[in-house]
Amino acid sequence: MKLKTKEIKGITIIQLDGNVIGGPDVSALNEYLHKLITEDKKNIVVDLKTVSFINSSGLGMLIGGLTTLRHSGGDLKLARASKKVEHLLEVTKLLKVFDLHKNVNDAVASF
């Protein structure tokens, strides 16, 4: 998994690229989120457009990121999930936990 970031209207967009399967990626995302929090960037959109597969460890990584941000007074929202990833979020009942948007601009506007 690779991370790319940009900022839109003060909201940090993290684009995940590749399979989200946990492992060392969990540490990388967690460290990056803590860095953003210290920079007072606590509202994050995770762009899932180029993610084709997420396993349980990857879901745990996203839940951990959400928890970290909410504990610091921020939030994490998801955008542009593929039908396969959206179905996984639905089956695992995580659509009740995450705020999922069809596109990044809608996610940014929701803050």
N, C-alpha and C. Protein backbone atom coordinates (compact mmCIF):
# COMPACT_ATOMS: atom_id res chain seq x y z
N MET A 1 0.83 -1.18 0.00
CA MET A 1 0.00 0.00 0.00
C MET A 1 0.88 1.24 0.00
N LYS A 2 0.48 2.22 -0.77
CA LYS A 2 1.18 3.50 -0.80
C LYS A 2 0.23 4.59 -0.35
N LEU A 3 0.81 5.65 0.24
CA LEU A 3 0.04 6.81 0.68
C LEU A 3 0.44 8.03 -0.13
N LYS A 4 -0.56 8.77 -0.58
CA LYS A 4 -0.31 10.08 -1.18
C LYS A 4 -1.25 11.05 -0.47
N THR A 5 -0.76 12.25 -0.22
CA THR A 5 -1.62 13.22 0.48
C THR A 5 -1.70 14.53 -0.27
N LYS A 6 -2.79 15.21 -0.03
CA LYS A 6 -2.98 16.59 -0.50
C LYS A 6 -3.97 17.23 0.45
N GLU A 7 -4.16 18.52 0.30
CA GLU A 7 -5.07 19.23 1.17
C GLU A 7 -6.08 19.99 0.32
N ILE A 8 -7.35 19.92 0.73
CA ILE A 8 -8.42 20.66 0.07
C ILE A 8 -9.21 21.37 1.16
N LYS A 9 -9.25 22.71 1.09
CA LYS A 9 -10.03 23.52 2.04
C LYS A 9 -9.70 23.18 3.49
N GLY A 10 -8.43 22.93 3.79
CA GLY A 10 -8.00 22.65 5.15
C GLY A 10 -8.22 21.22 5.60
N ILE A 11 -8.73 20.37 4.73
CA ILE A 11 -8.96 18.96 5.04
C ILE A 11 -7.85 18.15 4.36
N THR A 12 -7.22 17.25 5.08
CA THR A 12 -6.17 16.41 4.52
C THR A 12 -6.79 15.20 3.84
N ILE A 13 -6.40 14.99 2.59
CA ILE A 13 -6.86 13.84 1.82
C ILE A 13 -5.71 12.85 1.76
N ILE A 14 -5.96 11.63 2.21
CA ILE A 14 -4.96 10.57 2.11
C ILE A 14 -5.47 9.57 1.09
N GLN A 15 -4.77 9.46 -0.01
CA GLN A 15 -5.15 8.48 -1.02
C GLN A 15 -4.36 7.20 -0.80
N LEU A 16 -5.08 6.13 -0.53
CA LEU A 16 -4.45 4.82 -0.37
C LEU A 16 -4.40 4.16 -1.74
N ASP A 17 -3.28 3.53 -2.05
CA ASP A 17 -3.11 2.90 -3.35
C ASP A 17 -2.62 1.47 -3.15
N GLY A 18 -3.32 0.52 -3.74
CA GLY A 18 -2.93 -0.89 -3.62
C GLY A 18 -3.85 -1.61 -2.66
N ASN A 19 -3.42 -2.78 -2.23
CA ASN A 19 -4.20 -3.57 -1.28
C ASN A 19 -3.96 -3.07 0.14
N VAL A 20 -5.03 -2.99 0.91
CA VAL A 20 -4.95 -2.55 2.30
C VAL A 20 -5.06 -3.80 3.17
N ILE A 21 -3.90 -4.31 3.59
CA ILE A 21 -3.88 -5.60 4.27
C ILE A 21 -3.16 -5.57 5.62
N GLY A 22 -2.95 -4.40 6.16
CA GLY A 22 -2.33 -4.31 7.48
C GLY A 22 -0.83 -4.48 7.41
N GLY A 23 -0.27 -5.19 8.38
CA GLY A 23 1.19 -5.38 8.44
C GLY A 23 1.90 -4.07 8.71
N PRO A 24 3.02 -3.82 8.02
CA PRO A 24 3.78 -2.58 8.24
C PRO A 24 2.99 -1.33 7.87
N ASP A 25 1.97 -1.50 7.01
CA ASP A 25 1.16 -0.36 6.61
C ASP A 25 0.40 0.24 7.80
N VAL A 26 0.04 -0.61 8.76
CA VAL A 26 -0.68 -0.13 9.95
C VAL A 26 0.18 0.88 10.69
N SER A 27 1.44 0.54 10.91
CA SER A 27 2.36 1.45 11.60
C SER A 27 2.56 2.73 10.81
N ALA A 28 2.71 2.59 9.50
CA ALA A 28 2.95 3.77 8.67
C ALA A 28 1.78 4.74 8.73
N LEU A 29 0.56 4.23 8.60
CA LEU A 29 -0.61 5.11 8.66
C LEU A 29 -0.78 5.70 10.05
N ASN A 30 -0.60 4.89 11.08
CA ASN A 30 -0.75 5.37 12.45
C ASN A 30 0.26 6.49 12.75
N GLU A 31 1.51 6.29 12.38
CA GLU A 31 2.53 7.32 12.59
C GLU A 31 2.20 8.58 11.82
N TYR A 32 1.71 8.42 10.59
CA TYR A 32 1.38 9.58 9.77
C TYR A 32 0.21 10.35 10.38
N LEU A 33 -0.81 9.64 10.88
CA LEU A 33 -1.94 10.32 11.51
C LEU A 33 -1.52 11.08 12.76
N HIS A 34 -0.63 10.50 13.56
CA HIS A 34 -0.13 11.20 14.75
C HIS A 34 0.66 12.44 14.36
N LYS A 35 1.40 12.37 13.27
CA LYS A 35 2.13 13.54 12.76
C LYS A 35 1.14 14.64 12.36
N LEU A 36 0.07 14.25 11.65
CA LEU A 36 -0.94 15.23 11.25
C LEU A 36 -1.62 15.86 12.46
N ILE A 37 -1.90 15.06 13.48
CA ILE A 37 -2.54 15.57 14.69
C ILE A 37 -1.65 16.61 15.36
N THR A 38 -0.34 16.37 15.41
CA THR A 38 0.57 17.35 16.03
C THR A 38 0.62 18.63 15.21
N GLU A 39 0.31 18.54 13.92
CA GLU A 39 0.25 19.73 13.06
C GLU A 39 -1.15 20.35 13.06
N ASP A 40 -2.02 19.88 13.97
CA ASP A 40 -3.41 20.33 14.11
C ASP A 40 -4.23 20.09 12.84
N LYS A 41 -3.93 19.00 12.15
CA LYS A 41 -4.71 18.57 10.98
C LYS A 41 -5.44 17.31 11.40
N LYS A 42 -6.67 17.51 11.89
CA LYS A 42 -7.39 16.41 12.52
C LYS A 42 -8.60 15.92 11.72
N ASN A 43 -8.89 16.55 10.61
CA ASN A 43 -9.99 16.11 9.77
C ASN A 43 -9.41 15.52 8.49
N ILE A 44 -9.69 14.24 8.30
CA ILE A 44 -9.04 13.46 7.25
C ILE A 44 -10.09 12.77 6.39
N VAL A 45 -9.84 12.76 5.09
CA VAL A 45 -10.62 11.95 4.15
C VAL A 45 -9.67 10.91 3.59
N VAL A 46 -10.06 9.64 3.68
CA VAL A 46 -9.28 8.57 3.08
C VAL A 46 -9.93 8.23 1.74
N ASP A 47 -9.19 8.49 0.67
CA ASP A 47 -9.66 8.23 -0.70
C ASP A 47 -9.30 6.79 -1.05
N LEU A 48 -10.33 5.98 -1.28
CA LEU A 48 -10.14 4.56 -1.55
C LEU A 48 -10.26 4.21 -3.04
N LYS A 49 -10.20 5.21 -3.91
CA LYS A 49 -10.44 4.98 -5.34
C LYS A 49 -9.59 3.86 -5.92
N THR A 50 -8.31 3.80 -5.57
CA THR A 50 -7.42 2.81 -6.18
C THR A 50 -7.15 1.61 -5.28
N VAL A 51 -8.01 1.41 -4.28
CA VAL A 51 -7.90 0.23 -3.40
C VAL A 51 -8.82 -0.85 -3.96
N SER A 52 -8.23 -2.00 -4.28
CA SER A 52 -9.04 -3.08 -4.84
C SER A 52 -9.37 -4.15 -3.81
N PHE A 53 -8.62 -4.20 -2.71
CA PHE A 53 -8.82 -5.25 -1.72
C PHE A 53 -8.49 -4.74 -0.33
N ILE A 54 -9.35 -5.06 0.62
CA ILE A 54 -9.09 -4.77 2.04
C ILE A 54 -9.39 -6.05 2.81
N ASN A 55 -8.45 -6.45 3.68
CA ASN A 55 -8.72 -7.60 4.54
C ASN A 55 -9.07 -7.12 5.95
N SER A 56 -9.23 -8.05 6.88
CA SER A 56 -9.63 -7.68 8.24
C SER A 56 -8.59 -6.80 8.92
N SER A 57 -7.31 -7.04 8.65
CA SER A 57 -6.26 -6.19 9.23
C SER A 57 -6.34 -4.78 8.67
N GLY A 58 -6.65 -4.67 7.39
CA GLY A 58 -6.81 -3.36 6.76
C GLY A 58 -8.00 -2.61 7.34
N LEU A 59 -9.11 -3.33 7.57
CA LEU A 59 -10.27 -2.71 8.21
C LEU A 59 -9.92 -2.25 9.62
N GLY A 60 -9.17 -3.08 10.34
CA GLY A 60 -8.72 -2.70 11.68
C GLY A 60 -7.86 -1.45 11.66
N MET A 61 -7.03 -1.33 10.63
CA MET A 61 -6.18 -0.15 10.49
C MET A 61 -7.04 1.10 10.31
N LEU A 62 -8.08 1.02 9.49
CA LEU A 62 -8.97 2.17 9.28
C LEU A 62 -9.74 2.51 10.56
N ILE A 63 -10.20 1.49 11.28
CA ILE A 63 -10.92 1.72 12.54
C ILE A 63 -9.98 2.37 13.56
N GLY A 64 -8.74 1.91 13.61
CA GLY A 64 -7.75 2.51 14.51
C GLY A 64 -7.51 3.97 14.18
N GLY A 65 -7.43 4.28 12.89
CA GLY A 65 -7.24 5.67 12.47
C GLY A 65 -8.42 6.53 12.86
N LEU A 66 -9.62 6.01 12.67
CA LEU A 66 -10.83 6.73 13.05
C LEU A 66 -10.84 7.01 14.56
N THR A 67 -10.52 5.99 15.34
CA THR A 67 -10.50 6.13 16.80
C THR A 67 -9.46 7.16 17.23
N THR A 68 -8.28 7.09 16.66
CA THR A 68 -7.20 8.03 16.99
C THR A 68 -7.64 9.47 16.72
N LEU A 69 -8.24 9.69 15.55
CA LEU A 69 -8.65 11.05 15.19
C LEU A 69 -9.81 11.54 16.05
N ARG A 70 -10.76 10.68 16.31
CA ARG A 70 -11.90 11.11 17.14
C ARG A 70 -11.47 11.43 18.56
N HIS A 71 -10.50 10.68 19.10
CA HIS A 71 -9.98 10.96 20.44
C HIS A 71 -9.24 12.29 20.49
N SER A 72 -8.76 12.75 19.35
CA SER A 72 -8.04 14.03 19.31
C SER A 72 -8.95 15.18 18.89
N GLY A 73 -10.24 14.91 18.75
CA GLY A 73 -11.19 15.96 18.39
C GLY A 73 -11.41 16.10 16.90
N GLY A 74 -10.95 15.14 16.12
CA GLY A 74 -11.11 15.19 14.67
C GLY A 74 -12.03 14.08 14.18
N ASP A 75 -11.93 13.79 12.88
CA ASP A 75 -12.76 12.75 12.29
C ASP A 75 -12.07 12.21 11.04
N LEU A 76 -12.46 11.01 10.65
CA LEU A 76 -11.95 10.37 9.44
C LEU A 76 -13.14 9.91 8.63
N LYS A 77 -13.16 10.30 7.38
CA LYS A 77 -14.25 9.92 6.48
C LYS A 77 -13.66 9.20 5.28
N LEU A 78 -14.46 8.35 4.67
CA LEU A 78 -14.01 7.59 3.51
C LEU A 78 -14.68 8.10 2.25
N ALA A 79 -13.98 7.96 1.13
CA ALA A 79 -14.53 8.40 -0.15
C ALA A 79 -14.12 7.44 -1.27
N ARG A 80 -14.96 7.37 -2.27
CA ARG A 80 -14.72 6.67 -3.54
C ARG A 80 -14.35 5.19 -3.39
N ALA A 81 -15.05 4.49 -2.52
CA ALA A 81 -14.81 3.06 -2.38
C ALA A 81 -15.38 2.33 -3.59
N SER A 82 -14.68 1.31 -4.04
CA SER A 82 -15.19 0.47 -5.13
C SER A 82 -16.42 -0.28 -4.64
N LYS A 83 -17.18 -0.83 -5.55
CA LYS A 83 -18.36 -1.61 -5.17
C LYS A 83 -17.97 -2.76 -4.24
N LYS A 84 -16.83 -3.40 -4.53
CA LYS A 84 -16.36 -4.53 -3.72
C LYS A 84 -16.03 -4.08 -2.29
N VAL A 85 -15.32 -2.97 -2.17
CA VAL A 85 -14.95 -2.45 -0.84
C VAL A 85 -16.19 -1.94 -0.11
N GLU A 86 -17.08 -1.27 -0.82
CA GLU A 86 -18.31 -0.79 -0.20
C GLU A 86 -19.15 -1.97 0.31
N HIS A 87 -19.21 -3.03 -0.47
CA HIS A 87 -19.95 -4.23 -0.03
C HIS A 87 -19.33 -4.82 1.24
N LEU A 88 -18.00 -4.85 1.30
CA LEU A 88 -17.31 -5.34 2.50
C LEU A 88 -17.66 -4.49 3.71
N LEU A 89 -17.68 -3.18 3.54
CA LEU A 89 -18.05 -2.28 4.64
C LEU A 89 -19.50 -2.51 5.06
N GLU A 90 -20.34 -2.81 4.11
CA GLU A 90 -21.75 -3.06 4.41
C GLU A 90 -21.92 -4.38 5.17
N VAL A 91 -21.28 -5.44 4.69
CA VAL A 91 -21.40 -6.76 5.31
C VAL A 91 -20.85 -6.75 6.74
N THR A 92 -19.78 -6.01 6.97
CA THR A 92 -19.17 -5.95 8.29
C THR A 92 -19.83 -4.91 9.20
N LYS A 93 -20.87 -4.26 8.70
CA LYS A 93 -21.63 -3.24 9.44
C LYS A 93 -20.80 -1.98 9.72
N LEU A 94 -19.69 -1.84 9.01
CA LEU A 94 -18.84 -0.66 9.23
C LEU A 94 -19.37 0.60 8.54
N LEU A 95 -20.39 0.45 7.70
CA LEU A 95 -21.01 1.65 7.12
C LEU A 95 -21.75 2.44 8.20
N LYS A 96 -22.03 1.78 9.34
CA LYS A 96 -22.64 2.48 10.46
C LYS A 96 -21.59 3.22 11.28
N VAL A 97 -20.32 2.86 11.09
CA VAL A 97 -19.21 3.46 11.83
C VAL A 97 -18.57 4.57 11.01
N PHE A 98 -18.33 4.29 9.73
CA PHE A 98 -17.66 5.24 8.84
C PHE A 98 -18.66 6.05 8.06
N ASP A 99 -18.29 7.27 7.78
CA ASP A 99 -19.05 8.15 6.91
C ASP A 99 -18.45 7.99 5.52
N LEU A 100 -19.16 7.29 4.61
CA LEU A 100 -18.66 7.00 3.26
C LEU A 100 -19.33 7.92 2.26
N HIS A 101 -18.50 8.52 1.39
CA HIS A 101 -19.00 9.45 0.37
C HIS A 101 -18.63 8.97 -1.02
N LYS A 102 -19.44 9.35 -1.99
CA LYS A 102 -19.20 8.93 -3.38
C LYS A 102 -17.98 9.60 -3.98
N ASN A 103 -17.66 10.82 -3.52
CA ASN A 103 -16.47 11.50 -4.05
C ASN A 103 -15.80 12.32 -2.94
N VAL A 104 -14.57 12.74 -3.23
CA VAL A 104 -13.77 13.46 -2.24
C VAL A 104 -14.38 14.81 -1.90
N ASN A 105 -14.90 15.52 -2.89
CA ASN A 105 -15.47 16.84 -2.62
C ASN A 105 -16.66 16.77 -1.67
N ASP A 106 -17.50 15.75 -1.82
CA ASP A 106 -18.63 15.57 -0.88
C ASP A 106 -18.12 15.28 0.52
N ALA A 107 -17.08 14.47 0.62
CA ALA A 107 -16.50 14.15 1.93
C ALA A 107 -15.94 15.40 2.59
N VAL A 108 -15.23 16.21 1.81
CA VAL A 108 -14.65 17.45 2.35
C VAL A 108 -15.77 18.39 2.80
N ALA A 109 -16.80 18.50 2.01
CA ALA A 109 -17.93 19.40 2.34
C ALA A 109 -18.68 18.94 3.59
N SER A 110 -18.57 17.67 3.94
CA SER A 110 -19.32 17.14 5.08
C SER A 110 -18.71 17.52 6.44
N PHE A 111 -17.52 18.10 6.43
CA PHE A 111 -16.88 18.50 7.71
C PHE A 111 -17.47 19.80 8.21
